């Protein structure tokens, strides 16, 4: 399921607010997730092109609150090995 579909079906924030939250706090978490997880996933044989972000209760909030989830969007099907790597 794409981030756009999750936005429509589950009323998640927009894909932009998941990948690049506008609030200072959520933005820090999104950058950390990209740096730590995204770069590692990119090294896997089928992980190239992954987009990593966070699902925050309020992506526009400047407060630093723990994210609800780390979200990965792949541009193609990936193996179970890649999905269970973490």
N, C-alpha and C. Protein backbone atom coordinates (compact mmCIF):
# COMPACT_ATOMS: atom_id res chain seq x y z
N UNK A 1 0.84 -1.16 0.00
CA UNK A 1 0.00 0.00 0.00
C UNK A 1 0.89 1.23 0.00
N UNK A 2 0.58 2.18 -0.85
CA UNK A 2 1.37 3.41 -0.92
C UNK A 2 0.98 4.36 0.22
N UNK A 3 1.83 5.32 0.46
CA UNK A 3 1.52 6.33 1.47
C UNK A 3 0.28 7.13 1.09
N UNK A 4 0.09 7.36 -0.20
CA UNK A 4 -1.09 8.09 -0.67
C UNK A 4 -2.35 7.29 -0.37
N UNK A 5 -2.31 5.98 -0.59
CA UNK A 5 -3.46 5.13 -0.28
C UNK A 5 -3.74 5.10 1.22
N UNK A 6 -2.69 5.04 2.04
CA UNK A 6 -2.87 5.07 3.50
C UNK A 6 -3.48 6.39 3.94
N UNK A 7 -3.10 7.47 3.28
CA UNK A 7 -3.67 8.79 3.57
C UNK A 7 -5.17 8.78 3.30
N UNK A 8 -5.56 8.24 2.16
CA UNK A 8 -6.98 8.21 1.80
C UNK A 8 -7.78 7.23 2.65
N UNK A 9 -7.27 6.03 2.84
CA UNK A 9 -8.05 4.98 3.51
C UNK A 9 -8.07 5.11 5.04
N UNK A 10 -6.98 5.57 5.62
CA UNK A 10 -6.88 5.59 7.07
C UNK A 10 -6.80 6.99 7.67
N UNK A 11 -6.93 8.00 6.82
CA UNK A 11 -6.83 9.40 7.26
C UNK A 11 -5.48 9.70 7.90
N UNK A 12 -4.44 9.03 7.39
CA UNK A 12 -3.07 9.35 7.82
C UNK A 12 -2.72 10.73 7.29
N UNK A 13 -1.66 11.34 7.83
CA UNK A 13 -1.16 12.58 7.23
C UNK A 13 -0.76 12.33 5.78
N UNK A 14 -0.59 13.40 5.03
CA UNK A 14 -0.19 13.26 3.62
C UNK A 14 1.19 12.60 3.55
N UNK A 15 1.50 12.02 2.40
CA UNK A 15 2.84 11.44 2.24
C UNK A 15 3.96 12.45 2.56
N UNK A 16 3.75 13.70 2.18
CA UNK A 16 4.76 14.73 2.45
C UNK A 16 4.95 14.92 3.95
N UNK A 17 3.85 14.88 4.72
CA UNK A 17 3.95 15.08 6.17
C UNK A 17 4.52 13.85 6.87
N UNK A 18 4.49 12.70 6.22
CA UNK A 18 5.12 11.50 6.78
C UNK A 18 6.62 11.51 6.47
N UNK A 19 6.96 11.87 5.25
CA UNK A 19 8.37 11.85 4.82
C UNK A 19 9.14 13.08 5.27
N UNK A 20 8.49 14.23 5.30
CA UNK A 20 9.13 15.50 5.68
C UNK A 20 8.18 16.29 6.57
N UNK A 21 7.97 15.86 7.84
CA UNK A 21 7.04 16.59 8.70
C UNK A 21 7.47 18.05 8.86
N UNK A 22 6.50 18.94 8.94
CA UNK A 22 6.80 20.36 9.04
C UNK A 22 7.13 20.79 10.47
N UNK A 23 6.67 20.05 11.45
CA UNK A 23 6.98 20.39 12.84
C UNK A 23 8.41 20.04 13.18
N UNK A 24 9.02 20.85 14.03
CA UNK A 24 10.43 20.64 14.37
C UNK A 24 10.68 19.28 15.03
N UNK A 25 9.84 18.91 15.99
CA UNK A 25 10.03 17.64 16.69
C UNK A 25 9.90 16.43 15.78
N UNK A 26 8.76 16.30 15.07
CA UNK A 26 8.62 15.17 14.16
C UNK A 26 9.67 15.14 13.05
N UNK A 27 10.11 16.31 12.61
CA UNK A 27 11.12 16.37 11.56
C UNK A 27 12.43 15.77 12.03
N UNK A 28 12.78 15.99 13.28
CA UNK A 28 14.01 15.40 13.84
C UNK A 28 13.92 13.88 13.81
N UNK A 29 12.78 13.33 14.24
CA UNK A 29 12.60 11.88 14.23
C UNK A 29 12.65 11.33 12.80
N UNK A 30 12.03 12.02 11.86
CA UNK A 30 12.03 11.55 10.47
C UNK A 30 13.45 11.52 9.92
N UNK A 31 14.23 12.54 10.21
CA UNK A 31 15.62 12.58 9.73
C UNK A 31 16.45 11.45 10.36
N UNK A 32 16.23 11.20 11.64
CA UNK A 32 16.95 10.10 12.30
C UNK A 32 16.58 8.76 11.68
N UNK A 33 15.29 8.56 11.42
CA UNK A 33 14.84 7.30 10.81
C UNK A 33 15.46 7.12 9.43
N UNK A 34 15.51 8.19 8.64
CA UNK A 34 16.13 8.10 7.31
C UNK A 34 17.60 7.78 7.42
N UNK A 35 18.29 8.46 8.34
CA UNK A 35 19.73 8.25 8.47
C UNK A 35 20.06 6.85 8.97
N UNK A 36 19.35 6.39 9.97
CA UNK A 36 19.69 5.10 10.57
C UNK A 36 19.08 3.91 9.83
N UNK A 37 17.81 4.00 9.49
CA UNK A 37 17.15 2.86 8.83
C UNK A 37 17.24 2.95 7.31
N UNK A 38 16.93 4.10 6.77
CA UNK A 38 16.91 4.25 5.31
C UNK A 38 18.23 3.91 4.66
N UNK A 39 19.30 4.40 5.23
CA UNK A 39 20.63 4.13 4.65
C UNK A 39 20.98 2.64 4.73
N UNK A 40 20.57 1.99 5.81
CA UNK A 40 20.84 0.55 5.95
C UNK A 40 19.99 -0.26 4.99
N UNK A 41 18.71 0.08 4.88
CA UNK A 41 17.83 -0.63 3.96
C UNK A 41 18.32 -0.48 2.52
N UNK A 42 18.81 0.70 2.18
CA UNK A 42 19.32 0.94 0.82
C UNK A 42 20.45 -0.02 0.46
N UNK A 43 21.18 -0.52 1.45
CA UNK A 43 22.30 -1.43 1.19
C UNK A 43 21.85 -2.85 0.89
N UNK A 44 20.62 -3.19 1.24
CA UNK A 44 20.11 -4.54 0.98
C UNK A 44 19.84 -4.72 -0.52
N UNK A 45 19.88 -5.95 -0.99
CA UNK A 45 19.81 -6.20 -2.44
C UNK A 45 18.53 -5.69 -3.08
N UNK A 46 17.42 -5.64 -2.35
CA UNK A 46 16.18 -5.14 -2.95
C UNK A 46 15.63 -3.91 -2.21
N UNK A 47 16.50 -3.23 -1.47
CA UNK A 47 16.06 -2.09 -0.68
C UNK A 47 16.28 -0.72 -1.30
N UNK A 48 16.84 -0.69 -2.50
CA UNK A 48 17.12 0.61 -3.09
C UNK A 48 15.83 1.35 -3.40
N UNK A 49 15.86 2.65 -3.22
CA UNK A 49 14.71 3.49 -3.50
C UNK A 49 13.69 3.57 -2.38
N UNK A 50 14.01 3.02 -1.21
CA UNK A 50 13.08 3.07 -0.09
C UNK A 50 12.90 4.52 0.38
N UNK A 51 11.68 4.84 0.75
CA UNK A 51 11.37 6.14 1.35
C UNK A 51 11.01 5.87 2.81
N UNK A 52 11.68 6.56 3.72
CA UNK A 52 11.47 6.35 5.15
C UNK A 52 10.96 7.63 5.78
N UNK A 53 9.96 7.49 6.62
CA UNK A 53 9.40 8.61 7.35
C UNK A 53 8.80 8.13 8.65
N UNK A 54 8.02 9.00 9.28
CA UNK A 54 7.39 8.62 10.54
C UNK A 54 5.91 8.99 10.52
N UNK A 55 5.15 8.23 11.25
CA UNK A 55 3.75 8.54 11.47
C UNK A 55 3.68 9.22 12.83
N UNK A 56 3.37 10.50 12.83
CA UNK A 56 3.29 11.28 14.06
C UNK A 56 1.84 11.67 14.32
N UNK A 57 1.49 11.78 15.60
CA UNK A 57 0.13 12.19 15.96
C UNK A 57 -0.18 13.56 15.37
N UNK A 58 0.79 14.45 15.40
CA UNK A 58 0.64 15.78 14.82
C UNK A 58 1.95 16.17 14.15
N UNK A 59 2.06 15.93 12.84
CA UNK A 59 3.33 16.20 12.15
C UNK A 59 3.69 17.69 12.06
N UNK A 60 2.77 18.56 12.43
CA UNK A 60 3.04 20.00 12.40
C UNK A 60 3.47 20.55 13.76
N UNK A 61 3.46 19.70 14.78
CA UNK A 61 3.79 20.10 16.13
C UNK A 61 5.30 20.29 16.28
N UNK A 62 5.70 21.30 17.01
CA UNK A 62 7.13 21.51 17.25
C UNK A 62 7.65 20.69 18.42
N UNK A 63 6.75 20.17 19.25
CA UNK A 63 7.16 19.37 20.40
C UNK A 63 7.80 18.06 19.95
N UNK A 64 8.71 17.57 20.76
CA UNK A 64 9.37 16.31 20.47
C UNK A 64 8.63 15.19 21.19
N UNK A 65 7.70 14.55 20.47
CA UNK A 65 6.95 13.43 21.00
C UNK A 65 7.32 12.19 20.21
N UNK A 66 7.33 11.05 20.86
CA UNK A 66 7.66 9.80 20.17
C UNK A 66 6.71 9.56 19.01
N UNK A 67 7.23 9.13 17.87
CA UNK A 67 6.34 8.83 16.74
C UNK A 67 5.49 7.59 17.02
N UNK A 68 4.38 7.49 16.32
CA UNK A 68 3.52 6.32 16.43
C UNK A 68 4.18 5.14 15.73
N UNK A 69 4.83 5.41 14.59
CA UNK A 69 5.46 4.34 13.81
C UNK A 69 6.51 4.92 12.88
N UNK A 70 7.46 4.08 12.53
CA UNK A 70 8.38 4.38 11.43
C UNK A 70 7.76 3.73 10.21
N UNK A 71 7.71 4.46 9.11
CA UNK A 71 7.03 4.01 7.90
C UNK A 71 8.03 3.91 6.75
N UNK A 72 7.98 2.79 6.03
CA UNK A 72 8.83 2.59 4.85
C UNK A 72 7.94 2.36 3.64
N UNK A 73 8.24 3.05 2.56
CA UNK A 73 7.53 2.83 1.30
C UNK A 73 8.57 2.40 0.26
N UNK A 74 8.32 1.24 -0.33
CA UNK A 74 9.22 0.71 -1.35
C UNK A 74 8.59 0.95 -2.72
N UNK A 75 9.42 1.14 -3.73
CA UNK A 75 8.90 1.39 -5.08
C UNK A 75 8.68 0.10 -5.86
N UNK A 76 8.86 -1.05 -5.19
CA UNK A 76 8.62 -2.36 -5.82
C UNK A 76 8.46 -3.38 -4.70
N UNK A 77 8.12 -4.60 -5.07
CA UNK A 77 8.00 -5.67 -4.09
C UNK A 77 9.38 -5.99 -3.53
N UNK A 78 9.43 -6.30 -2.26
CA UNK A 78 10.69 -6.67 -1.63
C UNK A 78 10.53 -8.03 -0.96
N UNK A 79 11.64 -8.66 -0.71
CA UNK A 79 11.63 -10.01 -0.13
C UNK A 79 11.26 -9.96 1.35
N UNK A 80 10.80 -11.10 1.85
CA UNK A 80 10.53 -11.21 3.28
C UNK A 80 11.80 -10.99 4.08
N UNK A 81 12.91 -11.41 3.55
CA UNK A 81 14.18 -11.22 4.24
C UNK A 81 14.43 -9.74 4.49
N UNK A 82 14.15 -8.91 3.50
CA UNK A 82 14.32 -7.46 3.67
C UNK A 82 13.33 -6.94 4.69
N UNK A 83 12.09 -7.37 4.62
CA UNK A 83 11.06 -6.88 5.54
C UNK A 83 11.35 -7.29 6.98
N UNK A 84 11.91 -8.46 7.19
CA UNK A 84 12.17 -8.95 8.54
C UNK A 84 13.59 -8.64 9.01
N UNK A 85 14.37 -7.93 8.22
CA UNK A 85 15.75 -7.61 8.55
C UNK A 85 15.84 -6.89 9.89
N UNK A 86 14.88 -6.05 10.14
CA UNK A 86 14.91 -5.25 11.37
C UNK A 86 14.01 -5.86 12.39
